[in-house]
N, C-alpha and C. Protein backbone atom coordinates (compact mmCIF):
# COMPACT_ATOMS: atom_id res chain seq x y z
N MET A 1 0.49 -1.26 0.03
CA MET A 1 0.37 0.07 -0.05
C MET A 1 0.70 1.28 -0.39
N VAL A 2 0.35 2.29 -0.87
CA VAL A 2 1.33 3.48 -0.89
C VAL A 2 0.49 4.59 -0.46
N ILE A 3 0.89 5.08 0.58
CA ILE A 3 0.49 6.66 0.75
C ILE A 3 1.18 7.54 0.28
N PRO A 4 0.08 8.01 -0.31
CA PRO A 4 0.51 9.89 -0.98
C PRO A 4 0.83 10.56 0.22
N PRO A 5 1.99 11.36 -0.50
CA PRO A 5 2.21 12.43 0.31
C PRO A 5 1.18 13.49 0.88
N ARG A 6 1.48 14.44 2.01
CA ARG A 6 0.67 14.99 2.20
C ARG A 6 0.65 16.01 1.73
N VAL A 7 -0.57 16.79 1.32
CA VAL A 7 -0.35 18.11 0.18
C VAL A 7 -1.09 19.24 1.52
N ARG A 8 -0.59 19.90 1.80
CA ARG A 8 -0.61 21.62 1.83
C ARG A 8 -2.07 21.74 1.24
N PRO A 9 -3.20 22.96 2.43
CA PRO A 9 -4.07 23.48 1.11
C PRO A 9 -3.64 24.82 0.85
N GLU A 10 -4.06 25.38 0.16
CA GLU A 10 -3.64 26.50 -0.65
C GLU A 10 -3.85 27.53 0.25
N ARG A 11 -4.38 27.54 1.26
CA ARG A 11 -4.75 28.91 2.02
C ARG A 11 -3.38 28.56 3.05
N VAL A 12 -2.62 27.61 3.38
CA VAL A 12 -1.52 27.06 4.17
C VAL A 12 -0.13 27.89 3.43
N THR A 13 -0.50 27.34 2.27
CA THR A 13 1.12 27.19 1.17
C THR A 13 0.96 29.36 0.65
N LYS A 14 0.17 29.65 0.76
CA LYS A 14 -0.24 31.10 0.28
C LYS A 14 0.45 31.92 1.16
N PHE A 15 0.70 31.70 2.54
CA PHE A 15 1.20 32.53 3.43
C PHE A 15 2.51 32.13 3.86
N LEU A 16 2.86 31.15 3.28
CA LEU A 16 4.38 30.36 3.62
C LEU A 16 5.14 31.58 3.02
N LYS A 17 6.36 31.36 3.89
CA LYS A 17 7.68 32.41 3.25
C LYS A 17 8.47 31.27 2.54
N PRO A 18 8.32 31.57 0.98
CA PRO A 18 8.57 30.44 -0.16
C PRO A 18 10.46 30.47 0.19
N TYR A 19 11.35 31.10 0.66
CA TYR A 19 12.45 31.24 0.52
C TYR A 19 13.15 31.54 1.84
N VAL A 20 13.99 30.58 2.46
CA VAL A 20 14.53 30.88 3.96
C VAL A 20 15.83 30.64 3.87
N LEU A 21 16.55 31.61 4.46
CA LEU A 21 17.79 31.56 4.58
C LEU A 21 18.42 30.76 5.83
N ARG A 22 19.56 29.93 5.65
CA ARG A 22 19.57 29.04 7.13
C ARG A 22 21.15 29.33 6.83
N MET A 23 21.84 29.79 8.12
CA MET A 23 22.97 29.72 8.36
C MET A 23 23.54 28.73 9.14
N GLN A 24 24.94 28.26 8.78
CA GLN A 24 25.55 27.14 10.41
C GLN A 24 26.94 27.90 10.20
N PHE A 25 27.35 27.93 11.55
CA PHE A 25 28.80 28.43 11.65
C PHE A 25 29.56 27.17 12.69
N THR A 26 30.42 26.45 12.13
CA THR A 26 31.31 25.65 12.51
C THR A 26 32.58 26.06 13.23
N ASN A 27 33.62 25.61 13.89
CA ASN A 27 35.04 25.76 13.94
C ASN A 27 35.75 26.27 13.33
N LYS A 28 35.94 25.29 12.27
CA LYS A 28 36.17 25.83 10.92
C LYS A 28 35.92 26.11 9.93
N TYR A 29 34.56 26.07 9.65
CA TYR A 29 33.67 26.84 8.38
C TYR A 29 32.17 27.37 8.44
N VAL A 30 32.11 28.55 7.34
CA VAL A 30 30.84 28.73 6.91
C VAL A 30 30.28 28.35 6.34
N ASN A 31 28.64 27.95 6.79
CA ASN A 31 27.57 27.04 5.57
C ASN A 31 26.29 27.97 5.68
N ALA A 32 26.01 28.80 4.48
CA ALA A 32 24.73 29.33 4.32
C ALA A 32 24.21 28.80 3.24
N GLN A 33 22.63 28.51 3.05
CA GLN A 33 21.59 27.80 2.18
C GLN A 33 20.71 28.67 2.33
N VAL A 34 19.67 28.46 1.15
CA VAL A 34 18.53 29.04 0.96
C VAL A 34 17.56 27.76 0.59
N VAL A 35 17.04 27.92 1.04
CA VAL A 35 15.92 26.52 1.27
C VAL A 35 14.33 27.07 0.90
N HIS A 36 13.81 26.23 -0.63
CA HIS A 36 12.87 26.45 -0.91
C HIS A 36 11.66 25.56 -0.27
N THR A 37 10.98 26.37 0.68
CA THR A 37 10.06 25.49 1.57
C THR A 37 8.92 25.02 1.09
N PRO A 38 8.06 25.27 0.14
CA PRO A 38 7.10 24.53 -0.59
C PRO A 38 7.43 22.78 -0.75
N THR A 39 8.73 22.91 -1.36
CA THR A 39 9.34 21.59 -1.93
C THR A 39 10.61 21.43 -0.80
N ALA A 40 10.93 21.75 0.07
CA ALA A 40 12.10 21.43 1.01
C ALA A 40 13.28 20.98 -0.04
N THR A 41 13.49 21.97 -1.31
CA THR A 41 14.80 21.79 -1.59
C THR A 41 15.96 23.11 -1.71
N VAL A 42 16.72 22.78 -1.70
CA VAL A 42 17.85 24.06 -1.18
C VAL A 42 18.00 24.41 -3.03
N ALA A 43 17.13 26.05 -3.27
CA ALA A 43 18.20 27.01 -3.83
C ALA A 43 19.11 27.01 -4.16
N ALA A 44 19.57 27.90 -3.47
CA ALA A 44 21.49 28.19 -3.61
C ALA A 44 21.81 27.87 -2.49
N ALA A 45 23.19 27.47 -2.01
CA ALA A 45 24.37 27.71 -1.06
C ALA A 45 25.61 27.68 -1.54
N ALA A 46 26.15 28.39 -0.26
CA ALA A 46 27.66 28.33 -0.34
C ALA A 46 28.51 28.20 0.84
N SER A 47 29.59 28.08 0.77
CA SER A 47 29.97 27.54 1.67
C SER A 47 31.84 27.83 1.65
N THR A 48 32.59 27.83 2.53
CA THR A 48 33.65 28.12 2.59
C THR A 48 34.34 26.34 2.36
N GLN A 49 33.69 25.48 2.71
CA GLN A 49 34.46 24.25 1.98
C GLN A 49 34.55 23.79 0.72
N GLU A 50 33.80 25.35 0.12
CA GLU A 50 34.23 24.20 -1.49
C GLU A 50 35.32 24.71 -1.92
N LYS A 51 35.56 23.79 -2.82
CA LYS A 51 37.02 23.49 -3.32
C LYS A 51 37.70 24.87 -3.46
N SER A 52 36.86 25.47 -4.32
CA SER A 52 37.53 26.45 -5.20
C SER A 52 37.79 27.98 -4.35
N LEU A 53 37.14 28.22 -3.27
CA LEU A 53 36.91 28.97 -2.59
C LEU A 53 37.80 28.94 -1.46
N ARG A 54 38.06 27.72 -0.77
CA ARG A 54 38.68 27.30 0.38
C ARG A 54 40.11 27.47 -0.16
N LEU A 55 40.43 26.91 -1.29
CA LEU A 55 42.16 27.04 -1.50
C LEU A 55 42.53 28.21 -2.07
N GLY A 56 41.34 29.01 -2.40
CA GLY A 56 41.73 30.86 -2.87
C GLY A 56 42.19 31.65 -1.42
N MET A 57 41.19 30.85 -0.28
CA MET A 57 41.56 31.74 1.13
C MET A 57 43.05 30.99 1.50
N ILE A 58 43.27 29.65 1.30
CA ILE A 58 44.44 29.48 1.99
C ILE A 58 45.45 29.85 1.28
N GLU A 59 45.64 29.97 -0.17
CA GLU A 59 46.36 30.67 -0.82
C GLU A 59 47.17 32.25 0.17
N THR A 60 45.86 32.80 0.16
CA THR A 60 45.94 34.13 0.52
C THR A 60 46.21 34.61 1.84
N ASN A 61 46.39 33.08 2.84
CA ASN A 61 46.27 33.22 4.22
C ASN A 61 45.40 33.55 4.72
N GLU A 62 43.87 33.21 4.32
CA GLU A 62 42.71 34.15 5.01
C GLU A 62 41.75 32.90 5.87
N ASN A 63 41.15 33.16 6.66
CA ASN A 63 40.16 32.23 7.72
C ASN A 63 39.11 32.02 7.06
N THR A 64 39.66 30.28 7.09
CA THR A 64 37.38 30.33 6.74
C THR A 64 36.92 30.32 7.48
N ARG A 65 36.68 30.90 8.91
CA ARG A 65 35.55 30.81 9.73
C ARG A 65 35.59 32.60 10.74
N ASP A 66 35.88 33.19 9.79
CA ASP A 66 35.62 34.40 10.59
C ASP A 66 34.87 35.60 9.78
N VAL A 67 34.72 36.73 10.26
CA VAL A 67 33.72 37.55 9.69
C VAL A 67 33.74 37.90 8.54
N ALA A 68 35.07 37.89 7.93
CA ALA A 68 35.26 37.95 6.30
C ALA A 68 35.21 37.04 5.90
N ALA A 69 35.15 36.36 6.02
CA ALA A 69 35.06 34.61 5.57
C ALA A 69 33.35 34.52 5.49
N ALA A 70 32.71 35.37 6.07
CA ALA A 70 30.59 34.80 6.26
C ALA A 70 30.54 36.14 5.36
N ALA A 71 31.69 37.28 5.27
CA ALA A 71 30.96 38.55 4.08
C ALA A 71 31.05 37.67 3.18
N LYS A 72 32.26 37.11 2.39
CA LYS A 72 32.62 36.19 1.01
C LYS A 72 31.81 35.57 0.87
N ILE A 73 30.64 34.59 1.68
CA ILE A 73 29.89 33.71 1.55
C ILE A 73 28.76 33.88 1.36
N GLY A 74 28.23 35.17 1.79
CA GLY A 74 27.16 36.22 1.70
C GLY A 74 27.30 36.78 0.23
N LYS A 75 27.88 37.11 -0.16
CA LYS A 75 28.55 37.88 -1.43
C LYS A 75 28.08 37.11 -2.56
N LEU A 76 28.85 36.02 -2.25
CA LEU A 76 29.01 34.46 -3.01
C LEU A 76 27.07 34.22 -3.64
N LEU A 77 26.52 33.87 -2.07
CA LEU A 77 25.38 33.20 -2.32
C LEU A 77 23.92 34.55 -2.58
N GLY A 78 24.67 35.70 -2.77
CA GLY A 78 23.42 37.06 -3.30
C GLY A 78 23.77 36.79 -4.66
N GLU A 79 25.34 36.27 -5.46
CA GLU A 79 24.95 36.28 -6.49
C GLU A 79 24.73 35.16 -7.00
N ARG A 80 24.66 33.78 -6.25
CA ARG A 80 24.34 32.61 -6.96
C ARG A 80 21.88 32.96 -7.02
N LEU A 81 22.07 33.70 -6.17
CA LEU A 81 20.67 34.07 -5.99
C LEU A 81 19.80 34.82 -6.79
N GLN A 82 21.04 36.31 -7.68
CA GLN A 82 20.58 36.37 -8.43
C GLN A 82 20.36 35.69 -10.02
N VAL A 83 21.54 35.34 -9.75
CA VAL A 83 21.59 34.08 -11.29
C VAL A 83 20.28 33.04 -11.12
N LYS A 84 19.73 32.51 -10.42
CA LYS A 84 18.87 31.90 -10.06
C LYS A 84 17.57 32.66 -10.21
N GLY A 85 17.59 33.97 -10.06
CA GLY A 85 15.79 35.07 -10.33
C GLY A 85 15.50 34.97 -9.11
N ILE A 86 15.71 34.89 -7.77
CA ILE A 86 14.93 34.96 -6.77
C ILE A 86 15.35 36.18 -5.91
N PRO A 87 14.25 36.94 -5.67
CA PRO A 87 14.56 38.29 -5.47
C PRO A 87 14.70 38.97 -3.95
N ALA A 88 13.73 37.95 -3.28
CA ALA A 88 13.94 37.92 -1.71
C ALA A 88 14.04 36.59 -0.53
N VAL A 89 14.56 36.85 0.41
CA VAL A 89 14.63 35.88 1.29
C VAL A 89 14.41 36.33 2.55
N SER A 90 13.52 34.87 3.14
CA SER A 90 13.02 35.17 4.80
C SER A 90 14.67 34.71 5.60
N ILE A 91 14.92 35.28 7.04
CA ILE A 91 15.95 34.52 7.69
C ILE A 91 15.04 33.83 9.06
N PHE A 92 15.87 32.55 8.99
CA PHE A 92 15.72 31.41 9.94
C PHE A 92 16.97 31.67 11.03
N PHE A 93 16.45 32.19 12.10
CA PHE A 93 17.65 32.07 13.40
C PHE A 93 17.07 31.13 14.26
N LYS A 94 18.64 30.80 14.23
CA LYS A 94 18.81 29.21 15.29
C LYS A 94 18.26 30.28 17.06
N ARG A 95 18.16 29.32 17.63
CA ARG A 95 18.10 30.04 18.91
C ARG A 95 19.23 30.61 19.53
N ASP A 96 20.78 30.39 19.33
CA ASP A 96 21.64 30.91 19.75
C ASP A 96 21.88 32.36 18.64
N GLN A 97 21.47 32.05 18.25
CA GLN A 97 21.95 33.48 16.50
C GLN A 97 21.26 34.77 16.82
N ALA A 98 22.33 35.69 17.04
CA ALA A 98 21.53 36.94 17.30
C ALA A 98 22.18 37.90 15.79
N TYR A 99 21.64 38.50 15.51
CA TYR A 99 22.09 39.57 14.46
C TYR A 99 23.49 40.23 15.05
N HIS A 100 24.29 39.91 14.85
CA HIS A 100 25.46 40.56 15.37
C HIS A 100 27.04 39.22 14.76
N GLY A 101 27.90 39.72 14.39
CA GLY A 101 29.26 39.48 13.75
C GLY A 101 28.95 38.10 12.93
N LYS A 102 29.32 37.04 12.50
CA LYS A 102 28.99 36.62 11.39
C LYS A 102 27.94 36.44 10.47
N VAL A 103 26.91 36.37 11.69
CA VAL A 103 25.38 36.59 11.02
C VAL A 103 25.18 37.67 10.46
N LYS A 104 25.79 38.83 11.19
CA LYS A 104 25.14 39.98 10.53
C LYS A 104 26.43 40.45 9.46
N ALA A 105 27.64 39.64 8.87
CA ALA A 105 28.40 39.76 7.54
C ALA A 105 27.25 39.15 6.58
N VAL A 106 27.13 37.84 6.95
CA VAL A 106 26.75 37.15 5.74
C VAL A 106 24.98 38.02 5.49
N ILE A 107 24.03 38.45 6.15
CA ILE A 107 23.52 39.25 6.19
C ILE A 107 23.37 40.44 5.26
N ASP A 108 24.41 41.21 5.53
CA ASP A 108 24.07 42.22 5.25
C ASP A 108 25.29 42.60 3.73
N SER A 109 26.04 41.63 3.68
CA SER A 109 26.66 41.32 2.05
C SER A 109 25.40 40.65 0.61
N ILE A 110 24.47 39.86 1.56
CA ILE A 110 23.81 39.00 1.17
C ILE A 110 22.54 40.24 0.39
N ARG A 111 22.33 41.70 1.31
CA ARG A 111 21.51 42.27 1.31
C ARG A 111 22.20 43.33 0.27
N GLY A 112 23.45 43.59 -0.11
CA GLY A 112 24.20 44.71 -0.48
C GLY A 112 24.65 44.02 -2.19
N GLU A 113 23.99 42.58 -2.19
CA GLU A 113 24.11 42.08 -3.61
C GLU A 113 22.63 42.69 -4.23
N GLY A 114 21.69 43.05 -3.75
CA GLY A 114 20.49 43.53 -3.98
C GLY A 114 19.03 42.63 -3.65
N ILE A 115 19.24 41.14 -2.88
CA ILE A 115 18.46 40.75 -2.44
C ILE A 115 17.87 41.23 -1.49
N LYS A 116 16.56 41.20 -1.49
CA LYS A 116 15.70 42.01 -0.23
C LYS A 116 15.50 41.09 0.95
N LEU A 117 15.34 41.12 2.01
CA LEU A 117 14.84 40.39 3.30
C LEU A 117 14.03 40.68 3.62
N VAL A 118 13.05 39.35 3.66
CA VAL A 118 11.55 40.00 4.43
C VAL A 118 12.00 39.31 5.92
């Protein structure tokens, strides 16, 4: 027996924020991704773990986990969102995240690329 997936009614999906920015900061890396909530797929993502970005940062003796790295990730993610045609995103804060430091750097650099924050 196959159970079909649950379909959300129109009244619920109409008010969902379709694109949500999620950020993760570890002791070594900075990760950010934009998730399309109705389909639960990743629309765009950027990380300091990406080989091309990481090698460039290592050659210039830059850190992959500080505020400057977070700003680079935000700028890269903003460019990728523009290429995909996503004009606005909303932000999902975890319990321990505040608008300060790395979080502020990612958000400000995404906003600097012309992406609206809802």
